[in-house]
C-alpha atoms as a PDB file:
ATOM      1  CA  UNK A   1     103.540  71.403  75.466  1.00  0.00           C
ATOM      2  CA  UNK A   2     104.823  68.310  77.733  1.00  0.00           C
ATOM      3  CA  UNK A   3     103.459  67.633  80.951  1.00  0.00           C
ATOM      4  CA  UNK A   4     107.272  67.223  82.217  1.00  0.00           C
ATOM      5  CA  UNK A   5     107.388  71.178  82.843  1.00  0.00           C
ATOM      6  CA  UNK A   6     105.487  71.155  85.886  1.00  0.00           C
ATOM      7  CA  UNK A   7     108.228  68.294  87.541  1.00  0.00           C
ATOM      8  CA  UNK A   8     111.005  71.017  86.951  1.00  0.00           C
ATOM      9  CA  UNK A   9     112.273  72.831  89.563  1.00  0.00           C
ATOM     10  CA  UNK A  10     111.091  76.270  88.518  1.00  0.00           C
ATOM     11  CA  UNK A  11     110.928  78.612  91.387  1.00  0.00           C
ATOM     12  CA  UNK A  12     109.367  81.862  91.794  1.00  0.00           C
ATOM     13  CA  UNK A  13     106.556  83.906  91.802  1.00  0.00           C
ATOM     14  CA  UNK A  14     103.872  82.945  88.909  1.00  0.00           C
ATOM     15  CA  UNK A  15     103.184  86.537  87.375  1.00  0.00           C
ATOM     16  CA  UNK A  16     101.051  85.912  84.458  1.00  0.00           C
ATOM     17  CA  UNK A  17      99.917  82.649  82.452  1.00  0.00           C
ATOM     18  CA  UNK A  18      98.423  82.205  79.069  1.00  0.00           C
ATOM     19  CA  UNK A  19     100.846  84.547  77.636  1.00  0.00           C
ATOM     20  CA  UNK A  20      99.387  87.313  79.522  1.00  0.00           C
ATOM     21  CA  UNK A  21     101.654  90.462  78.741  1.00  0.00           C
ATOM     22  CA  UNK A  22     103.416  89.171  76.069  1.00  0.00           C
ATOM     23  CA  UNK A  23     104.245  91.500  73.229  1.00  0.00           C
ATOM     24  CA  UNK A  24     104.443  90.417  69.811  1.00  0.00           C
ATOM     25  CA  UNK A  25     107.914  90.886  69.782  1.00  0.00           C
ATOM     26  CA  UNK A  26     108.653  88.601  72.563  1.00  0.00           C
ATOM     27  CA  UNK A  27     106.216  85.892  71.117  1.00  0.00           C
ATOM     28  CA  UNK A  28     108.468  86.040  67.601  1.00  0.00           C
ATOM     29  CA  UNK A  29     111.463  85.826  69.287  1.00  0.00           C
ATOM     30  CA  UNK A  30     110.436  82.498  71.172  1.00  0.00           C
ATOM     31  CA  UNK A  31     109.498  81.342  67.530  1.00  0.00           C
ATOM     32  CA  UNK A  32     112.922  82.676  66.193  1.00  0.00           C
ATOM     33  CA  UNK A  33     115.183  81.237  69.121  1.00  0.00           C
ATOM     34  CA  UNK A  34     112.966  77.988  69.614  1.00  0.00           C
ATOM     35  CA  UNK A  35     116.212  75.790  68.887  1.00  0.00           C
ATOM     36  CA  UNK A  36     118.896  78.222  70.091  1.00  0.00           C
ATOM     37  CA  UNK A  37     121.315  76.476  72.470  1.00  0.00           C
ATOM     38  CA  UNK A  38     123.094  79.486  73.399  1.00  0.00           C
ATOM     39  CA  UNK A  39     122.200  79.197  77.286  1.00  0.00           C
ATOM     40  CA  UNK A  40     124.606  81.686  78.518  1.00  0.00           C
ATOM     41  CA  UNK A  41     126.124  85.132  77.539  1.00  0.00           C
ATOM     42  CA  UNK A  42     129.561  83.807  77.851  1.00  0.00           C
ATOM     43  CA  UNK A  43     131.090  80.174  77.224  1.00  0.00           C
ATOM     44  CA  UNK A  44     133.669  79.984  79.871  1.00  0.00           C
ATOM     45  CA  UNK A  45     134.916  76.156  79.155  1.00  0.00           C
ATOM     46  CA  UNK A  46     133.920  73.387  76.972  1.00  0.00           C
ATOM     47  CA  UNK A  47     135.365  69.663  76.875  1.00  0.00           C
ATOM     48  CA  UNK A  48     133.938  66.168  75.678  1.00  0.00           C
ATOM     49  CA  UNK A  49     131.813  66.172  78.831  1.00  0.00           C
ATOM     50  CA  UNK A  50     130.816  69.631  79.875  1.00  0.00           C
ATOM     51  CA  UNK A  51     129.974  73.007  78.741  1.00  0.00           C
ATOM     52  CA  UNK A  52     130.381  75.661  81.321  1.00  0.00           C
ATOM     53  CA  UNK A  53     128.565  79.062  80.910  1.00  0.00           C
ATOM     54  CA  UNK A  54     128.303  82.641  82.454  1.00  0.00           C
ATOM     55  CA  UNK A  55     125.195  84.781  82.518  1.00  0.00           C
ATOM     56  CA  UNK A  56     126.178  88.303  83.583  1.00  0.00           C
ATOM     57  CA  UNK A  57     123.345  90.761  83.423  1.00  0.00           C
ATOM     58  CA  UNK A  58     123.183  94.208  84.651  1.00  0.00           C
ATOM     59  CA  UNK A  59     120.042  95.890  85.915  1.00  0.00           C
ATOM     60  CA  UNK A  60     117.562  96.090  83.235  1.00  0.00           C
ATOM     61  CA  UNK A  61     119.695  93.522  80.934  1.00  0.00           C
ATOM     62  CA  UNK A  62     117.994  90.685  79.632  1.00  0.00           C
ATOM     63  CA  UNK A  63     119.242  87.239  78.037  1.00  0.00           C
ATOM     64  CA  UNK A  64     116.997  86.249  75.201  1.00  0.00           C
ATOM     65  CA  UNK A  65     114.965  82.847  74.691  1.00  0.00           C
ATOM     66  CA  UNK A  66     116.992  79.973  74.690  1.00  0.00           C
ATOM     67  CA  UNK A  67     116.588  76.137  75.004  1.00  0.00           C
ATOM     68  CA  UNK A  68     117.844  73.723  77.317  1.00  0.00           C
ATOM     69  CA  UNK A  69     117.815  69.874  76.111  1.00  0.00           C
ATOM     70  CA  UNK A  70     121.008  68.963  77.882  1.00  0.00           C
ATOM     71  CA  UNK A  71     120.935  68.199  82.052  1.00  0.00           C
ATOM     72  CA  UNK A  72     122.331  70.852  83.663  1.00  0.00           C
ATOM     73  CA  UNK A  73     122.609  73.103  87.007  1.00  0.00           C
ATOM     74  CA  UNK A  74     123.219  76.482  87.556  1.00  0.00           C
ATOM     75  CA  UNK A  75     124.541  78.650  90.656  1.00  0.00           C
ATOM     76  CA  UNK A  76     123.795  81.879  91.455  1.00  0.00           C
ATOM     77  CA  UNK A  77     127.094  83.982  92.012  1.00  0.00           C
ATOM     78  CA  UNK A  78     125.219  86.591  93.931  1.00  0.00           C
ATOM     79  CA  UNK A  79     121.675  87.535  95.131  1.00  0.00           C
ATOM     80  CA  UNK A  80     119.610  89.096  92.732  1.00  0.00           C
ATOM     81  CA  UNK A  81     116.043  88.946  91.184  1.00  0.00           C
ATOM     82  CA  UNK A  82     115.101  87.813  87.561  1.00  0.00           C
ATOM     83  CA  UNK A  83     111.772  87.776  85.579  1.00  0.00           C
ATOM     84  CA  UNK A  84     111.428  84.609  82.975  1.00  0.00           C
ATOM     85  CA  UNK A  85     109.208  84.017  80.525  1.00  0.00           C
ATOM     86  CA  UNK A  86     108.252  80.138  79.831  1.00  0.00           C
ATOM     87  CA  UNK A  87     107.447  78.635  76.569  1.00  0.00           C
ATOM     88  CA  UNK A  88     104.289  77.248  78.233  1.00  0.00           C
ATOM     89  CA  UNK A  89     103.137  81.032  78.335  1.00  0.00           C
ATOM     90  CA  UNK A  90     104.018  81.725  82.099  1.00  0.00           C
ATOM     91  CA  UNK A  91     105.704  84.839  83.364  1.00  0.00           C
ATOM     92  CA  UNK A  92     107.678  84.421  86.838  1.00  0.00           C
ATOM     93  CA  UNK A  93     109.647  86.569  89.209  1.00  0.00           C
ATOM     94  CA  UNK A  94     112.525  84.558  90.827  1.00  0.00           C
ATOM     95  CA  UNK A  95     114.699  85.777  93.833  1.00  0.00           C
ATOM     96  CA  UNK A  96     118.154  84.185  94.175  1.00  0.00           C
ATOM     97  CA  UNK A  97     120.375  83.649  97.035  1.00  0.00           C
ATOM     98  CA  UNK A  98     124.274  83.715  96.331  1.00  0.00           C
ATOM     99  CA  UNK A  99     125.213  80.265  96.128  1.00  0.00           C
ATOM    100  CA  UNK A 100     121.672  78.686  95.109  1.00  0.00           C
ATOM    101  CA  UNK A 101     122.000  76.035  93.105  1.00  0.00           C
ATOM    102  CA  UNK A 102     119.270  74.054  91.087  1.00  0.00           C
ATOM    103  CA  UNK A 103     119.602  70.782  89.167  1.00  0.00           C
ATOM    104  CA  UNK A 104     117.820  70.017  85.955  1.00  0.00           C
ATOM    105  CA  UNK A 105     117.013  66.596  83.885  1.00  0.00           C
ATOM    106  CA  UNK A 106     115.678  66.298  80.896  1.00  0.00           C
ATOM    107  CA  UNK A 107     114.694  62.839  79.380  1.00  0.00           C
ATOM    108  CA  UNK A 108     114.623  62.234  75.709  1.00  0.00           C
ATOM    109  CA  UNK A 109     112.798  64.864  73.971  1.00  0.00           C
ATOM    110  CA  UNK A 110     112.052  67.097  76.820  1.00  0.00           C
ATOM    111  CA  UNK A 111     113.489  70.916  77.030  1.00  0.00           C
ATOM    112  CA  UNK A 112     113.156  74.174  78.563  1.00  0.00           C
ATOM    113  CA  UNK A 113     112.662  77.285  76.717  1.00  0.00           C
ATOM    114  CA  UNK A 114     112.758  80.591  78.393  1.00  0.00           C
ATOM    115  CA  UNK A 115     114.624  83.889  78.825  1.00  0.00           C
ATOM    116  CA  UNK A 116     115.807  85.673  81.819  1.00  0.00           C
ATOM    117  CA  UNK A 117     115.826  89.718  82.591  1.00  0.00           C
ATOM    118  CA  UNK A 118     117.470  91.317  85.743  1.00  0.00           C
ATOM    119  CA  UNK A 119     114.654  93.165  87.363  1.00  0.00           C
ATOM    120  CA  UNK A 120     116.566  93.617  90.637  1.00  0.00           C
ATOM    121  CA  UNK A 121     119.165  96.637  91.361  1.00  0.00           C
ATOM    122  CA  UNK A 122     122.498  94.853  91.324  1.00  0.00           C
ATOM    123  CA  UNK A 123     124.412  92.680  88.770  1.00  0.00           C
ATOM    124  CA  UNK A 124     123.077  89.021  88.236  1.00  0.00           C
ATOM    125  CA  UNK A 125     125.446  86.549  87.868  1.00  0.00           C
ATOM    126  CA  UNK A 126     124.958  82.708  87.152  1.00  0.00           C
ATOM    127  CA  UNK A 127     127.589  80.042  86.324  1.00  0.00           C
ATOM    128  CA  UNK A 128     125.625  77.289  84.071  1.00  0.00           C
ATOM    129  CA  UNK A 129     126.962  73.961  83.788  1.00  0.00           C
ATOM    130  CA  UNK A 130     125.746  71.490  80.902  1.00  0.00           C
ATOM    131  CA  UNK A 131     126.289  67.922  80.812  1.00  0.00           C
ATOM    132  CA  UNK A 132     127.195  66.578  77.369  1.00  0.00           C
ATOM    133  CA  UNK A 133     126.453  62.844  78.272  1.00  0.00           C
ATOM    134  CA  UNK A 134     122.558  63.671  78.715  1.00  0.00           C
ATOM    135  CA  UNK A 135     119.557  61.946  77.179  1.00  0.00           C
ATOM    136  CA  UNK A 136     119.413  64.761  74.304  1.00  0.00           C
ATOM    137  CA  UNK A 137     122.235  65.646  71.795  1.00  0.00           C
ATOM    138  CA  UNK A 138     123.236  69.014  72.084  1.00  0.00           C
ATOM    139  CA  UNK A 139     122.254  71.792  70.159  1.00  0.00           C
ATOM    140  CA  UNK A 140     124.667  73.289  67.824  1.00  0.00           C
ATOM    141  CA  UNK A 141     126.112  76.679  68.662  1.00  0.00           C
ATOM    142  CA  UNK A 142     126.766  79.871  66.455  1.00  0.00           C
ATOM    143  CA  UNK A 143     130.316  79.541  64.705  1.00  0.00           C
ATOM    144  CA  UNK A 144     132.819  81.441  66.681  1.00  0.00           C
ATOM    145  CA  UNK A 145     134.930  82.463  63.655  1.00  0.00           C
ATOM    146  CA  UNK A 146     138.094  80.054  64.965  1.00  0.00           C
ATOM    147  CA  UNK A 147     137.983  81.801  68.326  1.00  0.00           C
ATOM    148  CA  UNK A 148     138.268  79.844  71.778  1.00  0.00           C
ATOM    149  CA  UNK A 149     135.378  80.038  74.407  1.00  0.00           C
ATOM    150  CA  UNK A 150     133.325  83.160  74.194  1.00  0.00           C
END
């Protein structure tokens, strides 16, 4: 684990550390998806400079573990609350205000591997923009069978 994780703008209330409360299935998912670059539930746009994603989660829905290696920012489209598990074994609950935005930078070799679950009562929507000119190469995305952005 890299020491840079402490410098990331992770927010929220720390719920647990040392993988406390993680099921065997969750641990297995993090191992299986350790290099999954699909950082959103729908790819809205992609060009030679950016990838623009949407994450839309209904109450109780969860987006699987995924790895961020590119500089990026997210903006919460609406207010809500999530629970996130992070590869260092922590679990956090995070409250968002509509329009809240956070920026992340990853030096060569750094990354963030986490999931996100909507633990609130309303739909949770984010727009995430990844910068393809980052210090790390973009992770490959699953084949789209000749389709455009998801």
